[in-house]
Amino acid sequence: MAGAASWNTFTLNAPPAAAVAAGPPHVRRSSLALTALRLRSPISRSSGRFLSSPAPMRTRAVVDDDEWGKEGGGETESGVAVVEPPVEELSEAGELKRKLMDLLSGTDRGLKASSETRAEIVELITQLEAKNPTPAPTDALPLLNGKWILAYTSFSQLFPLLGSGRLPQLVKVDEISQTIDSESFTVQNSVKFAGPLATTSVTTNAKFEVRSPKRVQIKFEEGIIGTPQLTDDIVVPDKVEFLGQNVDLSPFKGIISSIQNAASSVVRTISGQPPLKIPINNTNAQSWLLTTYLDEELRISRSDGGSVFVLIKECSPLLN
């Protein structure tokens, strides 16, 4: 996605030719080297790859005040070209990420986003993809490593699942994540559910193969239904919304507490059981994933159905 960028020749002022010829040999070499200085293809320090578009680069020459050295042939410091690193490309991508996070806030991973907000999100995603600092993500597998939290998706088949959060005080989707291990070439997709008494998760384990600099092929091998884990603090709300009306639960707190205690006992018993593993033998249980943007904290991927996924690295400040 990003190509090598060529910079125009940048010439530094050098001492006059006659003065160079008269000066010591090491000064002549230094001055000629500065005069012929040419900058080519700036490379990002963080990724070691060519930037997609060159940012302005400021260059300054530092030369010892006594450029001819002390009279009598003392040691002389030759001129040094100090190249300051390009930062505008990174700052522009950072600003786009900030705008994207602001838009995603309150959309419940895209479920509650209006059509206008979706259009703005798609536009920002496209702009970020054009500034992808990792043009070949599969060549930078260690950067893909770790747990990624889903922040947004256009995958419509997830919306009924996300919509379960509309059942107040019952169950909600607490987290959707993807964990990648580049050493074992495995991917784990996980959905964590939270209820008033316990939490549980549904997980799929898969293997992936690199098919191109941006694309991996994923084959699902196993589904796992986690055993419920008892919630640490169970709080009975004073009111719940039911059929559009607020229902006061205060008179029923004693009965509810007795039910909760009985349910907690059942959950504790179930929690001691191993998770339920379901092998996936269907040869059609495959998909491919195209990574279109990748840095240390943000990943944008597209699936074979055209859906887009925005994921944030666990513990990234973008999650705050």
Protein backbone atom coordinates (compact mmCIF):
# COMPACT_ATOMS: atom_id res chain seq x y z
CA MET A 1 0.00 0.00 0.00
CA ALA A 2 2.83 2.29 0.76
CA GLY A 3 5.49 2.82 -1.89
CA ALA A 4 8.96 4.21 -1.74
CA ALA A 5 8.93 7.97 -1.86
CA SER A 6 11.69 9.94 -3.56
CA TRP A 7 12.93 13.20 -2.16
CA ASN A 8 14.42 16.05 -4.18
CA THR A 9 18.10 16.61 -3.78
CA PHE A 10 18.78 18.74 -0.76
CA THR A 11 22.10 20.64 -0.92
CA LEU A 12 23.78 22.13 2.13
CA ASN A 13 25.91 25.23 1.85
CA ALA A 14 29.60 24.39 1.80
CA PRO A 15 32.76 26.50 2.00
CA PRO A 16 33.98 27.92 -1.33
CA ALA A 17 35.84 25.52 -3.57
CA ALA A 18 39.07 27.45 -3.21
CA ALA A 19 38.81 27.35 0.56
CA VAL A 20 38.08 23.63 0.47
CA ALA A 21 41.08 23.00 -1.73
CA ALA A 22 43.27 24.94 0.67
CA GLY A 23 41.95 23.25 3.78
CA PRO A 24 43.14 20.00 5.35
CA PRO A 25 42.23 16.74 3.56
CA HIS A 26 39.68 15.59 6.13
CA VAL A 27 37.84 18.92 5.88
CA ARG A 28 37.74 18.64 2.07
CA ARG A 29 36.16 15.20 2.34
CA SER A 30 33.60 16.41 4.90
CA SER A 31 32.59 19.45 2.86
CA LEU A 32 32.19 17.46 -0.33
CA ALA A 33 30.11 14.87 1.49
CA LEU A 34 27.79 17.55 2.81
CA THR A 35 27.45 19.12 -0.63
CA ALA A 36 26.45 15.78 -2.20
CA LEU A 37 23.98 14.87 0.55
CA ARG A 38 20.80 13.37 -0.90
CA LEU A 39 17.86 12.09 1.11
CA ARG A 40 15.90 9.13 -0.17
CA SER A 41 12.92 7.05 0.96
CA PRO A 42 12.38 7.97 4.61
CA ILE A 43 11.75 4.95 6.78
CA SER A 44 9.51 4.83 9.86
CA ARG A 45 11.57 4.08 12.93
CA SER A 46 8.74 2.21 14.63
CA SER A 47 7.98 -0.26 11.83
CA GLY A 48 11.06 -0.17 9.62
CA ARG A 49 8.87 0.39 6.57
CA PHE A 50 8.52 3.10 3.97
CA LEU A 51 6.04 5.81 4.82
CA SER A 52 3.13 6.10 2.42
CA SER A 53 3.67 9.80 1.83
CA PRO A 54 6.72 11.78 2.84
CA ALA A 55 6.34 14.24 5.66
CA PRO A 56 8.35 17.43 5.58
CA MET A 57 11.82 16.81 6.89
CA ARG A 58 13.84 19.55 8.47
CA THR A 59 17.59 19.30 8.07
CA ARG A 60 20.18 21.47 9.70
CA ALA A 61 23.95 21.46 9.44
CA VAL A 62 26.05 21.67 12.58
CA VAL A 63 29.59 22.88 11.93
CA ASP A 64 32.28 23.74 14.42
CA ASP A 65 32.73 27.52 14.71
CA ASP A 66 36.41 27.19 13.84
CA GLU A 67 35.80 25.16 10.67
CA TRP A 68 39.49 25.08 9.72
CA GLY A 69 40.63 23.91 13.13
CA LYS A 70 43.32 25.37 15.29
CA GLU A 71 46.26 26.83 13.54
CA GLY A 72 49.03 24.31 13.54
CA GLY A 73 46.97 21.22 12.55
CA GLY A 74 45.02 20.49 15.75
CA GLU A 75 42.06 18.07 15.75
CA THR A 76 38.98 19.42 14.03
CA GLU A 77 35.32 18.34 14.23
CA SER A 78 33.91 17.95 10.74
CA GLY A 79 30.43 19.21 9.79
CA VAL A 80 27.51 16.93 10.77
CA ALA A 81 24.10 16.86 9.10
CA VAL A 82 21.39 16.41 11.73
CA VAL A 83 18.16 15.05 10.22
CA GLU A 84 15.11 15.46 12.38
CA PRO A 85 12.59 12.55 12.04
CA PRO A 86 9.32 13.11 10.16
CA VAL A 87 6.42 13.32 12.61
CA GLU A 88 3.49 14.75 10.67
CA GLU A 89 2.46 11.37 9.23
CA LEU A 90 2.17 9.88 12.70
CA SER A 91 0.41 12.88 14.20
CA GLU A 92 -2.15 12.91 11.37
CA ALA A 93 -2.93 9.22 11.89
CA GLY A 94 -3.19 9.87 15.63
CA GLU A 95 -5.71 12.63 15.04
CA LEU A 96 -7.77 10.34 12.79
CA LYS A 97 -7.73 7.65 15.49
CA ARG A 98 -8.90 10.16 18.10
CA LYS A 99 -11.79 11.25 15.87
CA LEU A 100 -12.71 7.62 15.22
CA MET A 101 -12.76 6.78 18.94
CA ASP A 102 -14.99 9.80 19.61
CA LEU A 103 -17.45 8.61 16.97
CA LEU A 104 -17.46 5.03 18.27
CA SER A 105 -18.20 6.13 21.83
CA GLY A 106 -21.72 5.15 22.84
CA THR A 107 -22.48 3.15 19.68
CA ASP A 108 -22.28 -0.25 21.44
CA ARG A 109 -19.83 -1.61 18.86
CA GLY A 110 -21.90 -0.12 16.04
CA LEU A 111 -25.29 -1.48 17.11
CA LYS A 112 -26.63 1.93 18.13
CA ALA A 113 -24.88 3.99 15.44
CA SER A 114 -27.13 6.02 13.18
CA SER A 115 -26.73 5.83 9.40
CA GLU A 116 -25.04 9.24 9.43
CA THR A 117 -22.60 8.17 12.14
CA ARG A 118 -21.85 4.98 10.22
CA ALA A 119 -21.03 7.02 7.12
CA GLU A 120 -18.62 9.18 9.13
CA ILE A 121 -17.02 6.09 10.68
CA VAL A 122 -16.52 4.50 7.25
CA GLU A 123 -14.93 7.70 5.97
CA LEU A 124 -12.45 7.83 8.86
CA ILE A 125 -11.65 4.14 8.45
CA THR A 126 -10.89 4.70 4.77
CA GLN A 127 -8.58 7.61 5.61
CA LEU A 128 -6.74 5.53 8.20
CA GLU A 129 -6.33 2.64 5.78
CA ALA A 130 -4.66 5.03 3.35
CA LYS A 131 -2.08 5.83 6.06
CA ASN A 132 -1.46 2.25 7.16
CA PRO A 133 2.04 2.20 8.77
CA THR A 134 2.26 -1.58 8.28
CA PRO A 135 1.66 -2.29 4.56
CA ALA A 136 2.39 -6.03 4.99
CA PRO A 137 0.87 -7.09 8.35
CA THR A 138 1.60 -10.77 7.84
CA ASP A 139 5.29 -9.88 7.67
CA ALA A 140 4.92 -8.25 11.10
CA LEU A 141 3.17 -11.08 12.95
CA PRO A 142 4.56 -10.11 16.39
CA LEU A 143 2.65 -6.84 16.01
CA LEU A 144 -0.55 -8.87 15.59
CA ASN A 145 0.09 -10.82 18.78
CA GLY A 146 -2.10 -10.37 21.82
CA LYS A 147 -5.70 -9.73 22.77
CA TRP A 148 -7.74 -7.30 20.65
CA ILE A 149 -11.06 -5.86 21.88
CA LEU A 150 -13.81 -5.28 19.32
CA ALA A 151 -14.79 -1.58 19.24
CA TYR A 152 -16.89 -1.52 16.08
CA THR A 153 -18.21 -3.83 13.39
CA SER A 154 -20.51 -3.65 10.38
CA PHE A 155 -21.04 -7.44 10.57
CA SER A 156 -24.84 -7.58 10.68
CA GLN A 157 -24.96 -11.16 11.99
CA LEU A 158 -23.49 -9.92 15.26
CA PHE A 159 -26.25 -7.38 15.84
CA PRO A 160 -28.85 -9.85 17.21
CA LEU A 161 -26.19 -11.00 19.68
CA LEU A 162 -25.31 -7.44 20.63
CA GLY A 163 -28.99 -6.65 20.92
CA SER A 164 -29.29 -9.04 23.85
CA GLY A 165 -27.92 -6.14 25.90
CA ARG A 166 -31.33 -4.51 25.51
CA LEU A 167 -32.76 -6.99 28.03
CA PRO A 168 -32.28 -4.87 31.19
CA GLN A 169 -30.86 -6.49 34.29
CA LEU A 170 -30.81 -9.93 32.63
CA VAL A 171 -27.86 -10.55 30.32
CA LYS A 172 -25.60 -8.40 28.21
CA VAL A 173 -22.59 -8.81 25.96
CA ASP A 174 -19.76 -7.67 28.18
CA GLU A 175 -16.84 -8.07 25.74
CA ILE A 176 -16.00 -9.41 22.29
CA SER A 177 -12.35 -10.11 21.70
CA GLN A 178 -9.88 -11.83 19.40
CA THR A 179 -6.59 -13.25 20.67
CA ILE A 180 -3.82 -14.00 18.17
CA ASP A 181 -0.75 -16.15 18.81
CA SER A 182 1.67 -15.83 15.88
CA GLU A 183 4.00 -18.55 17.21
CA SER A 184 1.34 -21.27 17.18
CA PHE A 185 -0.66 -19.64 14.33
CA THR A 186 -3.88 -19.73 16.37
CA VAL A 187 -6.81 -17.34 16.69
CA GLN A 188 -9.32 -17.36 19.53
CA ASN A 189 -12.60 -15.45 19.18
CA SER A 190 -14.44 -14.94 22.44
CA VAL A 191 -17.77 -13.43 23.51
CA LYS A 192 -18.18 -12.76 27.21
CA PHE A 193 -21.69 -12.55 28.66
CA ALA A 194 -22.56 -10.96 31.98
CA GLY A 195 -25.74 -11.57 33.98
CA PRO A 196 -27.02 -10.66 37.43
CA LEU A 197 -25.61 -13.84 38.99
CA ALA A 198 -22.73 -15.00 36.84
CA THR A 199 -20.58 -14.47 33.76
CA THR A 200 -19.78 -16.94 31.03
CA SER A 201 -18.20 -17.01 27.59
CA VAL A 202 -18.50 -18.66 24.20
CA THR A 203 -15.21 -19.18 22.40
CA THR A 204 -14.07 -20.54 19.04
CA ASN A 205 -10.53 -21.73 18.44
CA ALA A 206 -9.05 -21.63 14.96
CA LYS A 207 -5.81 -22.01 13.03
CA PHE A 208 -4.66 -19.48 10.46
CA GLU A 209 -2.39 -19.59 7.42
CA VAL A 210 -0.69 -16.66 5.75
CA ARG A 211 -1.91 -16.31 2.16
CA SER A 212 -0.65 -12.83 1.21
CA PRO A 213 1.07 -9.82 2.79
CA LYS A 214 -2.34 -8.71 4.13
CA ARG A 215 -4.56 -11.79 4.16
CA VAL A 216 -4.80 -14.85 6.38
CA GLN A 217 -7.02 -17.89 5.94
CA ILE A 218 -8.81 -19.01 9.10
CA LYS A 219 -10.12 -22.52 9.76
CA PHE A 220 -12.28 -23.01 12.85
CA GLU A 221 -11.54 -26.19 14.82
CA GLU A 222 -13.39 -26.04 18.12
CA GLY A 223 -16.16 -24.27 19.98
CA ILE A 224 -16.05 -23.89 23.77
CA ILE A 225 -18.89 -22.95 26.12
CA GLY A 226 -17.31 -21.74 29.32
CA THR A 227 -18.67 -22.68 32.72
CA PRO A 228 -20.45 -19.82 34.50
CA GLN A 229 -18.41 -17.86 37.00
CA LEU A 230 -20.24 -16.43 39.99
CA THR A 231 -20.43 -12.65 40.04
CA ASP A 232 -18.55 -11.18 42.99
CA ASP A 233 -21.15 -8.58 43.94
CA ILE A 234 -24.81 -9.25 43.29
CA VAL A 235 -26.86 -6.06 43.52
CA VAL A 236 -30.64 -6.15 43.33
CA PRO A 237 -31.91 -3.00 41.58
CA ASP A 238 -34.71 -0.99 43.11
CA LYS A 239 -36.49 -0.76 39.79
CA VAL A 240 -36.45 -2.54 36.43
CA GLU A 241 -38.03 -1.62 33.15
CA PHE A 242 -40.58 -4.12 31.87
CA LEU A 243 -42.78 -3.60 28.81
CA GLY A 244 -42.01 0.10 28.87
CA GLN A 245 -42.89 0.57 32.55
CA ASN A 246 -40.73 0.87 35.67
CA VAL A 247 -41.45 -1.92 38.16
CA ASP A 248 -40.60 -1.29 41.83
CA LEU A 249 -38.77 -4.31 43.26
CA SER A 250 -38.46 -3.05 46.83
CA PRO A 251 -41.36 -5.16 48.22
CA PHE A 252 -39.87 -8.29 46.63
CA LYS A 253 -36.26 -7.94 47.80
CA GLY A 254 -36.61 -10.69 50.44
CA ILE A 255 -38.00 -13.17 47.93
CA ILE A 256 -35.42 -12.18 45.33
CA SER A 257 -32.58 -12.64 47.81
CA SER A 258 -33.78 -16.20 48.60
CA ILE A 259 -33.91 -17.00 44.88
CA GLN A 260 -30.47 -15.52 44.37
CA ASN A 261 -29.00 -17.61 47.16
CA ALA A 262 -30.44 -20.79 45.66
CA ALA A 263 -29.27 -19.81 42.19
CA SER A 264 -25.80 -18.98 43.51
CA SER A 265 -25.52 -22.45 44.98
CA VAL A 266 -26.37 -23.97 41.60
CA VAL A 267 -23.87 -21.69 39.84
CA ARG A 268 -21.12 -22.67 42.27
CA THR A 269 -21.77 -26.32 41.51
CA ILE A 270 -21.69 -25.72 37.75
CA SER A 271 -18.57 -23.54 38.00
CA GLY A 272 -16.61 -26.52 39.22
CA GLN A 273 -17.27 -28.39 35.97
CA PRO A 274 -14.92 -28.24 32.96
CA PRO A 275 -15.99 -26.17 29.95
CA LEU A 276 -17.98 -27.85 27.20
CA LYS A 277 -15.87 -28.36 24.06
CA ILE A 278 -17.53 -28.95 20.71
CA PRO A 279 -15.34 -30.06 17.76
CA ILE A 280 -15.99 -28.28 14.46
CA ASN A 281 -15.56 -30.79 11.66
CA ASN A 282 -17.35 -28.85 8.94
CA THR A 283 -14.95 -28.19 6.07
CA ASN A 284 -16.92 -25.03 5.25
CA ALA A 285 -16.10 -23.50 8.65
CA GLN A 286 -13.47 -21.26 7.10
CA SER A 287 -13.02 -17.60 6.45
CA TRP A 288 -10.35 -15.14 5.45
CA LEU A 289 -9.38 -11.90 7.10
CA LEU A 290 -7.72 -8.91 5.46
CA THR A 291 -5.81 -6.52 7.74
CA THR A 292 -5.96 -3.05 6.22
CA TYR A 293 -4.51 -1.02 9.11
CA LEU A 294 -2.17 -2.09 11.90
CA ASP A 295 -0.13 -0.31 14.53
CA GLU A 296 0.71 -0.97 18.19
CA GLU A 297 -2.80 -0.19 19.45
CA LEU A 298 -5.30 -0.25 16.57
CA ARG A 299 -6.22 -2.84 13.96
CA ILE A 300 -8.74 -2.60 11.13
CA SER A 301 -9.72 -5.81 9.34
CA ARG A 302 -12.15 -6.79 6.61
CA SER A 303 -13.73 -10.22 6.19
CA ASP A 304 -14.68 -12.18 3.10
CA GLY A 305 -18.24 -10.88 3.41
CA GLY A 306 -17.06 -7.28 3.19
CA SER A 307 -17.68 -6.54 6.87
CA VAL A 308 -15.27 -4.25 8.67
CA PHE A 309 -13.92 -4.73 12.21
CA VAL A 310 -12.17 -2.13 14.36
CA LEU A 311 -10.22 -3.64 17.23
CA ILE A 312 -8.16 -2.06 19.99
CA LYS A 313 -5.22 -3.71 21.72
CA GLU A 314 -5.91 -4.68 25.32
CA CYS A 315 -4.58 -2.09 27.82
CA SER A 316 -4.35 0.57 25.09
CA PRO A 317 -5.22 4.14 26.16
CA LEU A 318 -7.74 4.14 23.30
CA LEU A 319 -9.99 1.94 25.45
CA ASN A 320 -10.30 4.62 28.13
